[in-house]
Amino acid sequence: MAAAACADVNPERLIQCQKKILKERMEMTQMDCHHELAHAVHEKCPASEYHNSAGGWNGFNMKFARVLLNLCESQGVLGKSTTQLVDLVHERCAKAALGRAETQIVV
């Protein structure tokens, strides 16, 4: 998701952008944006088969909630609105769901 969010950033800063989104611990100021992205993951990402958890959240991937926060806090640098970031989450979750459906074995 970080790579897709950073795709429109100056190519010379692409790696820095991705590292910033994935690794930094930013302070939350864009609460509405973070709420929208977290809700998008919950609603659109495939549920975990291994954890009885709603939506795309489980104990493993909750640690990546920081990425959502960092996306919101970097909107100015990314040149993306909250709506565009929500669309990005929907797109990535749809790809994850499709990939999961393709790997299921039907007997």
PDB file of N, CA and C in Angstrom:
ATOM      1  N   MET A   1       0.813  -1.183   0.000  1.00  0.00           N
ATOM      2  CA  MET A   1       0.000   0.000   0.000  1.00  0.00           C
ATOM      3  C   MET A   1       0.864   1.256   0.000  1.00  0.00           C
ATOM      4  N   ALA A   2       1.989   1.202   0.701  1.00  0.00           N
ATOM      5  CA  ALA A   2       2.894   2.353   0.735  1.00  0.00           C
ATOM      6  C   ALA A   2       3.435   2.657  -0.654  1.00  0.00           C
ATOM      7  N   ALA A   3       3.784   1.621  -1.401  1.00  0.00           N
ATOM      8  CA  ALA A   3       4.313   1.824  -2.753  1.00  0.00           C
ATOM      9  C   ALA A   3       3.273   2.492  -3.641  1.00  0.00           C
ATOM     10  N   ALA A   4       2.037   2.047  -3.544  1.00  0.00           N
ATOM     11  CA  ALA A   4       0.972   2.639  -4.354  1.00  0.00           C
ATOM     12  C   ALA A   4       0.703   4.084  -3.937  1.00  0.00           C
ATOM     13  N   ALA A   5       0.717   4.347  -2.644  1.00  0.00           N
ATOM     14  CA  ALA A   5       0.475   5.708  -2.157  1.00  0.00           C
ATOM     15  C   ALA A   5       1.583   6.657  -2.582  1.00  0.00           C
ATOM     16  N   CYS A   6       2.807   6.153  -2.639  1.00  0.00           N
ATOM     17  CA  CYS A   6       3.969   6.982  -2.980  1.00  0.00           C
ATOM     18  C   CYS A   6       4.235   7.052  -4.483  1.00  0.00           C
ATOM     19  N   ALA A   7       3.430   6.390  -5.279  1.00  0.00           N
ATOM     20  CA  ALA A   7       3.688   6.281  -6.717  1.00  0.00           C
ATOM     21  C   ALA A   7       3.796   7.628  -7.425  1.00  0.00           C
ATOM     22  N   ASP A   8       3.085   8.637  -6.942  1.00  0.00           N
ATOM     23  CA  ASP A   8       3.091   9.945  -7.603  1.00  0.00           C
ATOM     24  C   ASP A   8       4.140  10.900  -7.045  1.00  0.00           C
ATOM     25  N   VAL A   9       4.914  10.436  -6.077  1.00  0.00           N
ATOM     26  CA  VAL A   9       5.960  11.263  -5.469  1.00  0.00           C
ATOM     27  C   VAL A   9       7.157  11.306  -6.410  1.00  0.00           C
ATOM     28  N   ASN A  10       7.935  12.360  -6.320  1.00  0.00           N
ATOM     29  CA  ASN A  10       9.157  12.500  -7.112  1.00  0.00           C
ATOM     30  C   ASN A  10       9.948  11.189  -7.058  1.00  0.00           C
ATOM     31  N   PRO A  11      10.304  10.610  -8.212  1.00  0.00           N
ATOM     32  CA  PRO A  11      11.015   9.324  -8.234  1.00  0.00           C
ATOM     33  C   PRO A  11      12.280   9.292  -7.375  1.00  0.00           C
ATOM     34  N   GLU A  12      12.944  10.420  -7.233  1.00  0.00           N
ATOM     35  CA  GLU A  12      14.152  10.472  -6.409  1.00  0.00           C
ATOM     36  C   GLU A  12      13.838  10.287  -4.924  1.00  0.00           C
ATOM     37  N   ARG A  13      12.595  10.510  -4.546  1.00  0.00           N
ATOM     38  CA  ARG A  13      12.196  10.396  -3.140  1.00  0.00           C
ATOM     39  C   ARG A  13      11.275   9.204  -2.891  1.00  0.00           C
ATOM     40  N   LEU A  14      11.111   8.348  -3.879  1.00  0.00           N
ATOM     41  CA  LEU A  14      10.178   7.232  -3.772  1.00  0.00           C
ATOM     42  C   LEU A  14      10.524   6.300  -2.614  1.00  0.00           C
ATOM     43  N   ILE A  15      11.775   5.887  -2.512  1.00  0.00           N
ATOM     44  CA  ILE A  15      12.192   4.971  -1.448  1.00  0.00           C
ATOM     45  C   ILE A  15      12.026   5.636  -0.082  1.00  0.00           C
ATOM     46  N   GLN A  16      12.400   6.911   0.024  1.00  0.00           N
ATOM     47  CA  GLN A  16      12.236   7.637   1.290  1.00  0.00           C
ATOM     48  C   GLN A  16      10.762   7.707   1.684  1.00  0.00           C
ATOM     49  N   CYS A  17       9.917   7.946   0.708  1.00  0.00           N
ATOM     50  CA  CYS A  17       8.481   8.032   0.961  1.00  0.00           C
ATOM     51  C   CYS A  17       7.958   6.705   1.504  1.00  0.00           C
ATOM     52  N   GLN A  18       8.320   5.624   0.856  1.00  0.00           N
ATOM     53  CA  GLN A  18       7.852   4.306   1.292  1.00  0.00           C
ATOM     54  C   GLN A  18       8.344   3.980   2.699  1.00  0.00           C
ATOM     55  N   LYS A  19       9.600   4.263   2.980  1.00  0.00           N
ATOM     56  CA  LYS A  19      10.146   4.003   4.315  1.00  0.00           C
ATOM     57  C   LYS A  19       9.415   4.833   5.365  1.00  0.00           C
ATOM     58  N   LYS A  20       9.131   6.084   5.026  1.00  0.00           N
ATOM     59  CA  LYS A  20       8.424   6.968   5.952  1.00  0.00           C
ATOM     60  C   LYS A  20       7.042   6.400   6.282  1.00  0.00           C
ATOM     61  N   ILE A  21       6.323   5.967   5.266  1.00  0.00           N
ATOM     62  CA  ILE A  21       4.977   5.431   5.470  1.00  0.00           C
ATOM     63  C   ILE A  21       5.022   4.138   6.287  1.00  0.00           C
ATOM     64  N   LEU A  22       5.994   3.292   6.013  1.00  0.00           N
ATOM     65  CA  LEU A  22       6.063   1.980   6.664  1.00  0.00           C
ATOM     66  C   LEU A  22       6.669   1.999   8.061  1.00  0.00           C
ATOM     67  N   LYS A  23       7.598   2.897   8.321  1.00  0.00           N
ATOM     68  CA  LYS A  23       8.401   2.792   9.540  1.00  0.00           C
ATOM     69  C   LYS A  23       8.197   3.885  10.584  1.00  0.00           C
ATOM     70  N   GLU A  24       7.898   5.097  10.154  1.00  0.00           N
ATOM     71  CA  GLU A  24       7.840   6.198  11.120  1.00  0.00           C
ATOM     72  C   GLU A  24       6.674   6.049  12.086  1.00  0.00           C
ATOM     73  N   ARG A  25       6.826   6.664  13.230  1.00  0.00           N
ATOM     74  CA  ARG A  25       5.760   6.703  14.237  1.00  0.00           C
ATOM     75  C   ARG A  25       5.298   8.152  14.358  1.00  0.00           C
ATOM     76  N   MET A  26       4.347   8.506  13.532  1.00  0.00           N
ATOM     77  CA  MET A  26       3.845   9.874  13.507  1.00  0.00           C
ATOM     78  C   MET A  26       2.760  10.059  14.562  1.00  0.00           C
ATOM     79  N   GLU A  27       2.612  11.290  14.983  1.00  0.00           N
ATOM     80  CA  GLU A  27       1.545  11.633  15.923  1.00  0.00           C
ATOM     81  C   GLU A  27       0.244  11.766  15.150  1.00  0.00           C
ATOM     82  N   MET A  28      -0.833  11.248  15.707  1.00  0.00           N
ATOM     83  CA  MET A  28      -2.119  11.304  15.022  1.00  0.00           C
ATOM     84  C   MET A  28      -2.754  12.680  15.191  1.00  0.00           C
ATOM     85  N   THR A  29      -2.937  13.359  14.076  1.00  0.00           N
ATOM     86  CA  THR A  29      -3.667  14.625  14.062  1.00  0.00           C
ATOM     87  C   THR A  29      -4.852  14.549  13.104  1.00  0.00           C
ATOM     88  N   GLN A  30      -4.784  13.652  12.135  1.00  0.00           N
ATOM     89  CA  GLN A  30      -5.825  13.503  11.113  1.00  0.00           C
ATOM     90  C   GLN A  30      -6.761  12.350  11.497  1.00  0.00           C
ATOM     91  N   MET A  31      -7.484  12.555  12.599  1.00  0.00           N
ATOM     92  CA  MET A  31      -8.297  11.470  13.154  1.00  0.00           C
ATOM     93  C   MET A  31      -9.416  11.025  12.221  1.00  0.00           C
ATOM     94  N   ASP A  32     -10.039  11.964  11.533  1.00  0.00           N
ATOM     95  CA  ASP A  32     -11.122  11.589  10.618  1.00  0.00           C
ATOM     96  C   ASP A  32     -10.594  10.705   9.492  1.00  0.00           C
ATOM     97  N   CYS A  33      -9.443  11.058   8.958  1.00  0.00           N
ATOM     98  CA  CYS A  33      -8.825  10.263   7.895  1.00  0.00           C
ATOM     99  C   CYS A  33      -8.508   8.862   8.410  1.00  0.00           C
ATOM    100  N   HIS A  34      -7.893   8.784   9.586  1.00  0.00           N
ATOM    101  CA  HIS A  34      -7.526   7.480  10.145  1.00  0.00           C
ATOM    102  C   HIS A  34      -8.770   6.628  10.375  1.00  0.00           C
ATOM    103  N   HIS A  35      -9.829   7.243  10.866  1.00  0.00           N
ATOM    104  CA  HIS A  35     -11.090   6.523  11.075  1.00  0.00           C
ATOM    105  C   HIS A  35     -11.604   5.972   9.748  1.00  0.00           C
ATOM    106  N   GLU A  36     -11.569   6.790   8.706  1.00  0.00           N
ATOM    107  CA  GLU A  36     -12.057   6.358   7.392  1.00  0.00           C
ATOM    108  C   GLU A  36     -11.241   5.187   6.841  1.00  0.00           C
ATOM    109  N   LEU A  37      -9.919   5.254   6.975  1.00  0.00           N
ATOM    110  CA  LEU A  37      -9.071   4.172   6.454  1.00  0.00           C
ATOM    111  C   LEU A  37      -9.256   2.892   7.264  1.00  0.00           C
ATOM    112  N   ALA A  38      -9.323   3.011   8.581  1.00  0.00           N
ATOM    113  CA  ALA A  38      -9.532   1.823   9.420  1.00  0.00           C
ATOM    114  C   ALA A  38     -10.878   1.181   9.104  1.00  0.00           C
ATOM    115  N   HIS A  39     -11.888   2.001   8.906  1.00  0.00           N
ATOM    116  CA  HIS A  39     -13.216   1.495   8.544  1.00  0.00           C
ATOM    117  C   HIS A  39     -13.167   0.808   7.176  1.00  0.00           C
ATOM    118  N   ALA A  40     -12.434   1.379   6.241  1.00  0.00           N
ATOM    119  CA  ALA A  40     -12.308   0.777   4.907  1.00  0.00           C
ATOM    120  C   ALA A  40     -11.665  -0.606   4.992  1.00  0.00           C
ATOM    121  N   VAL A  41     -10.633  -0.746   5.813  1.00  0.00           N
ATOM    122  CA  VAL A  41      -9.994  -2.059   5.995  1.00  0.00           C
ATOM    123  C   VAL A  41     -10.995  -3.039   6.595  1.00  0.00           C
ATOM    124  N   HIS A  42     -11.714  -2.595   7.605  1.00  0.00           N
ATOM    125  CA  HIS A  42     -12.688  -3.461   8.273  1.00  0.00           C
ATOM    126  C   HIS A  42     -13.780  -3.917   7.307  1.00  0.00           C
ATOM    127  N   GLU A  43     -14.257  -3.011   6.473  1.00  0.00           N
ATOM    128  CA  GLU A  43     -15.370  -3.314   5.580  1.00  0.00           C
ATOM    129  C   GLU A  43     -14.963  -4.039   4.298  1.00  0.00           C
ATOM    130  N   LYS A  44     -13.798  -3.736   3.752  1.00  0.00           N
ATOM    131  CA  LYS A  44     -13.468  -4.213   2.408  1.00  0.00           C
ATOM    132  C   LYS A  44     -12.399  -5.293   2.339  1.00  0.00           C
ATOM    133  N   CYS A  45     -11.542  -5.382   3.343  1.00  0.00           N
ATOM    134  CA  CYS A  45     -10.484  -6.393   3.277  1.00  0.00           C
ATOM    135  C   CYS A  45     -11.042  -7.748   3.687  1.00  0.00           C
ATOM    136  N   PRO A  46     -10.504  -8.815   3.116  1.00  0.00           N
ATOM    137  CA  PRO A  46     -11.035 -10.145   3.438  1.00  0.00           C
ATOM    138  C   PRO A  46     -10.798 -10.493   4.901  1.00  0.00           C
ATOM    139  N   ALA A  47     -11.773 -11.157   5.482  1.00  0.00           N
ATOM    140  CA  ALA A  47     -11.644 -11.603   6.869  1.00  0.00           C
ATOM    141  C   ALA A  47     -10.595 -12.695   6.956  1.00  0.00           C
ATOM    142  N   SER A  48      -9.974 -12.782   8.078  1.00  0.00           N
ATOM    143  CA  SER A  48      -8.944 -13.794   8.300  1.00  0.00           C
ATOM    144  C   SER A  48      -9.582 -15.161   8.504  1.00  0.00           C
ATOM    145  N   GLU A  49      -9.062 -16.162   7.817  1.00  0.00           N
ATOM    146  CA  GLU A  49      -9.537 -17.528   8.010  1.00  0.00           C
ATOM    147  C   GLU A  49      -9.007 -18.101   9.315  1.00  0.00           C
ATOM    148  N   TYR A  50      -7.883 -17.603   9.769  1.00  0.00           N
ATOM    149  CA  TYR A  50      -7.193 -18.194  10.905  1.00  0.00           C
ATOM    150  C   TYR A  50      -7.544 -17.545  12.231  1.00  0.00           C
ATOM    151  N   HIS A  51      -8.193 -16.412  12.178  1.00  0.00           N
ATOM    152  CA  HIS A  51      -8.595 -15.707  13.389  1.00  0.00           C
ATOM    153  C   HIS A  51     -10.068 -15.371  13.232  1.00  0.00           C
ATOM    154  N   ASN A  52     -10.817 -15.557  14.258  1.00  0.00           N
ATOM    155  CA  ASN A  52     -12.227 -15.195  14.193  1.00  0.00           C
ATOM    156  C   ASN A  52     -12.351 -13.701  14.430  1.00  0.00           C
ATOM    157  N   SER A  53     -11.973 -12.938  13.428  1.00  0.00           N
ATOM    158  CA  SER A  53     -11.992 -11.490  13.555  1.00  0.00           C
ATOM    159  C   SER A  53     -12.772 -10.886  12.402  1.00  0.00           C
ATOM    160  N   ALA A  54     -13.374  -9.762  12.689  1.00  0.00           N
ATOM    161  CA  ALA A  54     -14.187  -9.096  11.679  1.00  0.00           C
ATOM    162  C   ALA A  54     -13.322  -8.413  10.639  1.00  0.00           C
ATOM    163  N   GLY A  55     -13.836  -8.352   9.441  1.00  0.00           N
ATOM    164  CA  GLY A  55     -13.153  -7.632   8.369  1.00  0.00           C
ATOM    165  C   GLY A  55     -11.726  -8.079   8.174  1.00  0.00           C
ATOM    166  N   GLY A  56     -10.896  -7.162   7.753  1.00  0.00           N
ATOM    167  CA  GLY A  56      -9.509  -7.483   7.484  1.00  0.00           C
ATOM    168  C   GLY A  56      -8.601  -7.376   8.688  1.00  0.00           C
ATOM    169  N   TRP A  57      -9.147  -7.219   9.885  1.00  0.00           N
ATOM    170  CA  TRP A  57      -8.316  -7.043  11.078  1.00  0.00           C
ATOM    171  C   TRP A  57      -8.112  -8.352  11.810  1.00  0.00           C
ATOM    172  N   ASN A  58      -6.885  -8.585  12.218  1.00  0.00           N
ATOM    173  CA  ASN A  58      -6.561  -9.687  13.123  1.00  0.00           C
ATOM    174  C   ASN A  58      -5.320  -9.276  13.910  1.00  0.00           C
ATOM    175  N   GLY A  59      -4.897 -10.114  14.824  1.00  0.00           N
ATOM    176  CA  GLY A  59      -3.764  -9.780  15.676  1.00  0.00           C
ATOM    177  C   GLY A  59      -2.493  -9.496  14.912  1.00  0.00           C
ATOM    178  N   PHE A  60      -2.305 -10.174  13.787  1.00  0.00           N
ATOM    179  CA  PHE A  60      -1.087  -9.975  13.002  1.00  0.00           C
ATOM    180  C   PHE A  60      -1.090  -8.619  12.313  1.00  0.00           C
ATOM    181  N   ASN A  61      -2.133  -8.337  11.567  1.00  0.00           N
ATOM    182  CA  ASN A  61      -2.076  -7.127  10.745  1.00  0.00           C
ATOM    183  C   ASN A  61      -2.467  -5.848  11.473  1.00  0.00           C
ATOM    184  N   MET A  62      -2.955  -5.942  12.707  1.00  0.00           N
ATOM    185  CA  MET A  62      -3.250  -4.712  13.448  1.00  0.00           C
ATOM    186  C   MET A  62      -1.995  -3.891  13.686  1.00  0.00           C
ATOM    187  N   LYS A  63      -0.834  -4.546  13.703  1.00  0.00           N
ATOM    188  CA  LYS A  63       0.402  -3.786  13.895  1.00  0.00           C
ATOM    189  C   LYS A  63       0.675  -2.860  12.709  1.00  0.00           C
ATOM    190  N   PHE A  64       0.006  -3.116  11.590  1.00  0.00           N
ATOM    191  CA  PHE A  64       0.183  -2.269  10.420  1.00  0.00           C
ATOM    192  C   PHE A  64      -0.787  -1.089  10.397  1.00  0.00           C
ATOM    193  N   ALA A  65      -1.576  -0.929  11.454  1.00  0.00           N
ATOM    194  CA  ALA A  65      -2.471   0.227  11.545  1.00  0.00           C
ATOM    195  C   ALA A  65      -1.668   1.520  11.491  1.00  0.00           C
ATOM    196  N   ARG A  66      -0.412   1.448  11.927  1.00  0.00           N
ATOM    197  CA  ARG A  66       0.474   2.617  11.859  1.00  0.00           C
ATOM    198  C   ARG A  66       0.614   3.103  10.419  1.00  0.00           C
ATOM    199  N   VAL A  67       0.614   2.186   9.458  1.00  0.00           N
ATOM    200  CA  VAL A  67       0.723   2.580   8.050  1.00  0.00           C
ATOM    201  C   VAL A  67      -0.461   3.461   7.671  1.00  0.00           C
ATOM    202  N   LEU A  68      -1.652   3.100   8.126  1.00  0.00           N
ATOM    203  CA  LEU A  68      -2.830   3.917   7.830  1.00  0.00           C
ATOM    204  C   LEU A  68      -2.676   5.311   8.430  1.00  0.00           C
ATOM    205  N   LEU A  69      -2.214   5.356   9.666  1.00  0.00           N
ATOM    206  CA  LEU A  69      -1.988   6.639  10.324  1.00  0.00           C
ATOM    207  C   LEU A  69      -0.973   7.463   9.534  1.00  0.00           C
ATOM    208  N   ASN A  70       0.125   6.841   9.141  1.00  0.00           N
ATOM    209  CA  ASN A  70       1.173   7.558   8.406  1.00  0.00           C
ATOM    210  C   ASN A  70       0.686   8.030   7.043  1.00  0.00           C
ATOM    211  N   LEU A  71      -0.174   7.251   6.401  1.00  0.00           N
ATOM    212  CA  LEU A  71      -0.755   7.699   5.130  1.00  0.00           C
ATOM    213  C   LEU A  71      -1.551   8.979   5.349  1.00  0.00           C
ATOM    214  N   CYS A  72      -2.364   8.985   6.387  1.00  0.00           N
ATOM    215  CA  CYS A  72      -3.177  10.171   6.677  1.00  0.00           C
ATOM    216  C   CYS A  72      -2.315  11.380   7.013  1.00  0.00           C
ATOM    217  N   GLU A  73      -1.298  11.164   7.811  1.00  0.00           N
ATOM    218  CA  GLU A  73      -0.436  12.272   8.226  1.00  0.00           C
ATOM    219  C   GLU A  73       0.451  12.771   7.087  1.00  0.00           C
ATOM    220  N   SER A  74       0.562  12.008   6.017  1.00  0.00           N
ATOM    221  CA  SER A  74       1.419  12.378   4.876  1.00  0.00           C
ATOM    222  C   SER A  74       0.615  12.829   3.667  1.00  0.00           C
ATOM    223  N   GLN A  75      -0.645  13.128   3.851  1.00  0.00           N
ATOM    224  CA  GLN A  75      -1.493  13.498   2.723  1.00  0.00           C
ATOM    225  C   GLN A  75      -0.913  14.638   1.892  1.00  0.00           C
ATOM    226  N   GLY A  76      -0.349  15.641   2.537  1.00  0.00           N
ATOM    227  CA  GLY A  76       0.217  16.777   1.809  1.00  0.00           C
ATOM    228  C   GLY A  76       1.361  16.365   0.912  1.00  0.00           C
ATOM    229  N   VAL A  77       2.268  15.565   1.437  1.00  0.00           N
ATOM    230  CA  VAL A  77       3.426  15.094   0.662  1.00  0.00           C
ATOM    231  C   VAL A  77       2.970  14.173  -0.465  1.00  0.00           C
ATOM    232  N   LEU A  78       1.993  13.325  -0.162  1.00  0.00           N
ATOM    233  CA  LEU A  78       1.502  12.368  -1.154  1.00  0.00           C
ATOM    234  C   LEU A  78       0.626  13.036  -2.211  1.00  0.00           C
ATOM    235  N   GLY A  79       0.052  14.174  -1.864  1.00  0.00           N
ATOM    236  CA  GLY A  79      -0.863  14.837  -2.788  1.00  0.00           C
ATOM    237  C   GLY A  79      -2.158  14.061  -2.955  1.00  0.00           C
ATOM    238  N   LYS A  80      -2.596  13.414  -1.868  1.00  0.00           N
ATOM    239  CA  LYS A  80      -3.799  12.588  -1.934  1.00  0.00           C
ATOM    240  C   LYS A  80      -4.780  13.007  -0.838  1.00  0.00           C
ATOM    241  N   SER A  81      -6.034  13.032  -1.203  1.00  0.00           N
ATOM    242  CA  SER A  81      -7.093  13.342  -0.242  1.00  0.00           C
ATOM    243  C   SER A  81      -7.463  12.079   0.531  1.00  0.00           C
ATOM    244  N   THR A  82      -8.258  12.256   1.569  1.00  0.00           N
ATOM    245  CA  THR A  82      -8.749  11.098   2.320  1.00  0.00           C
ATOM    246  C   THR A  82      -9.530  10.170   1.400  1.00  0.00           C
ATOM    247  N   THR A  83     -10.349  10.728   0.538  1.00  0.00           N
ATOM    248  CA  THR A  83     -11.127   9.910  -0.401  1.00  0.00           C
ATOM    249  C   THR A  83     -10.216   9.087  -1.299  1.00  0.00           C
ATOM    250  N   GLN A  84      -9.147   9.688  -1.781  1.00  0.00           N
ATOM    251  CA  GLN A  84      -8.207   8.950  -2.627  1.00  0.00           C
ATOM    252  C   GLN A  84      -7.512   7.836  -1.846  1.00  0.00           C
ATOM    253  N   LEU A  85      -7.190   8.087  -0.589  1.00  0.00           N
ATOM    254  CA  LEU A  85      -6.564   7.051   0.242  1.00  0.00           C
ATOM    255  C   LEU A  85      -7.547   5.919   0.535  1.00  0.00           C
ATOM    256  N   VAL A  86      -8.809   6.257   0.784  1.00  0.00           N
ATOM    257  CA  VAL A  86      -9.833   5.223   0.988  1.00  0.00           C
ATOM    258  C   VAL A  86      -9.967   4.378  -0.277  1.00  0.00           C
ATOM    259  N   ASP A  87      -9.978   5.023  -1.430  1.00  0.00           N
ATOM    260  CA  ASP A  87     -10.049   4.283  -2.697  1.00  0.00           C
ATOM    261  C   ASP A  87      -8.857   3.351  -2.856  1.00  0.00           C
ATOM    262  N   LEU A  88      -7.688   3.803  -2.436  1.00  0.00           N
ATOM    263  CA  LEU A  88      -6.477   2.977  -2.494  1.00  0.00           C
ATOM    264  C   LEU A  88      -6.624   1.739  -1.602  1.00  0.00           C
ATOM    265  N   VAL A  89      -7.151   1.924  -0.399  1.00  0.00           N
ATOM    266  CA  VAL A  89      -7.388   0.793   0.502  1.00  0.00           C
ATOM    267  C   VAL A  89      -8.379  -0.179  -0.130  1.00  0.00           C
ATOM    268  N   HIS A  90      -9.466   0.345  -0.689  1.00  0.00           N
ATOM    269  CA  HIS A  90     -10.456  -0.519  -1.338  1.00  0.00           C
ATOM    270  C   HIS A  90      -9.816  -1.329  -2.468  1.00  0.00           C
ATOM    271  N   GLU A  91      -8.996  -0.677  -3.267  1.00  0.00           N
ATOM    272  CA  GLU A  91      -8.326  -1.349  -4.385  1.00  0.00           C
ATOM    273  C   GLU A  91      -7.409  -2.464  -3.883  1.00  0.00           C
ATOM    274  N   ARG A  92      -6.618  -2.165  -2.878  1.00  0.00           N
ATOM    275  CA  ARG A  92      -5.679  -3.164  -2.337  1.00  0.00           C
ATOM    276  C   ARG A  92      -6.422  -4.316  -1.675  1.00  0.00           C
ATOM    277  N   CYS A  93      -7.499  -4.020  -0.987  1.00  0.00           N
ATOM    278  CA  CYS A  93      -8.273  -5.082  -0.345  1.00  0.00           C
ATOM    279  C   CYS A  93      -8.960  -5.963  -1.386  1.00  0.00           C
ATOM    280  N   ALA A  94      -9.441  -5.353  -2.463  1.00  0.00           N
ATOM    281  CA  ALA A  94     -10.064  -6.136  -3.533  1.00  0.00           C
ATOM    282  C   ALA A  94      -9.048  -7.084  -4.159  1.00  0.00           C
ATOM    283  N   LYS A  95      -7.827  -6.611  -4.366  1.00  0.00           N
ATOM    284  CA  LYS A  95      -6.777  -7.477  -4.913  1.00  0.00           C
ATOM    285  C   LYS A  95      -6.453  -8.609  -3.948  1.00  0.00           C
ATOM    286  N   ALA A  96      -6.421  -8.310  -2.661  1.00  0.00           N
ATOM    287  CA  ALA A  96      -6.142  -9.346  -1.658  1.00  0.00           C
ATOM    288  C   ALA A  96      -7.258 -10.388  -1.644  1.00  0.00           C
ATOM    289  N   ALA A  97      -8.496  -9.938  -1.739  1.00  0.00           N
ATOM    290  CA  ALA A  97      -9.627 -10.865  -1.748  1.00  0.00           C
ATOM    291  C   ALA A  97      -9.606 -11.733  -3.000  1.00  0.00           C
ATOM    292  N   LEU A  98      -9.276 -11.136  -4.130  1.00  0.00           N
ATOM    293  CA  LEU A  98      -9.202 -11.884  -5.387  1.00  0.00           C
ATOM    294  C   LEU A  98      -8.097 -12.925  -5.319  1.00  0.00           C
ATOM    295  N   GLY A  99      -6.945 -12.531  -4.822  1.00  0.00           N
ATOM    296  CA  GLY A  99      -5.825 -13.464  -4.696  1.00  0.00           C
ATOM    297  C   GLY A  99      -6.162 -14.621  -3.781  1.00  0.00           C
ATOM    298  N   ARG A 100      -6.882 -14.338  -2.731  1.00  0.00           N
ATOM    299  CA  ARG A 100      -7.287 -15.389  -1.800  1.00  0.00           C
ATOM    300  C   ARG A 100      -8.290 -16.335  -2.439  1.00  0.00           C
ATOM    301  N   ALA A 101      -9.221 -15.793  -3.216  1.00  0.00           N
ATOM    302  CA  ALA A 101     -10.219 -16.630  -3.884  1.00  0.00           C
ATOM    303  C   ALA A 101      -9.562 -17.550  -4.903  1.00  0.00           C
ATOM    304  N   GLU A 102      -8.527 -17.054  -5.563  1.00  0.00           N
ATOM    305  CA  GLU A 102      -7.843 -17.860  -6.572  1.00  0.00           C
ATOM    306  C   GLU A 102      -7.052 -19.007  -5.963  1.00  0.00           C
ATOM    307  N   THR A 103      -6.682 -18.895  -4.692  1.00  0.00           N
ATOM    308  CA  THR A 103      -5.874 -19.939  -4.070  1.00  0.00           C
ATOM    309  C   THR A 103      -6.711 -20.978  -3.331  1.00  0.00           C
ATOM    310  N   GLN A 104      -8.016 -20.775  -3.252  1.00  0.00           N
ATOM    311  CA  GLN A 104      -8.862 -21.747  -2.571  1.00  0.00           C
ATOM    312  C   GLN A 104      -9.009 -23.003  -3.416  1.00  0.00           C
ATOM    313  N   ILE A 105      -9.015 -24.128  -2.749  1.00  0.00           N
ATOM    314  CA  ILE A 105      -9.189 -25.407  -3.432  1.00  0.00           C
ATOM    315  C   ILE A 105     -10.633 -25.836  -3.259  1.00  0.00           C
ATOM    316  N   VAL A 106     -11.295 -26.081  -4.355  1.00  0.00           N
ATOM    317  CA  VAL A 106     -12.686 -26.514  -4.316  1.00  0.00           C
ATOM    318  C   VAL A 106     -12.715 -28.003  -4.604  1.00  0.00           C
ATOM    319  N   VAL A 107     -13.343 -28.767  -3.699  1.00  0.00           N
ATOM    320  CA  VAL A 107     -13.411 -30.223  -3.867  1.00  0.00           C
ATOM    321  C   VAL A 107     -14.807 -30.611  -4.262  1.00  0.00           C
TER     322      VAL A 107
END
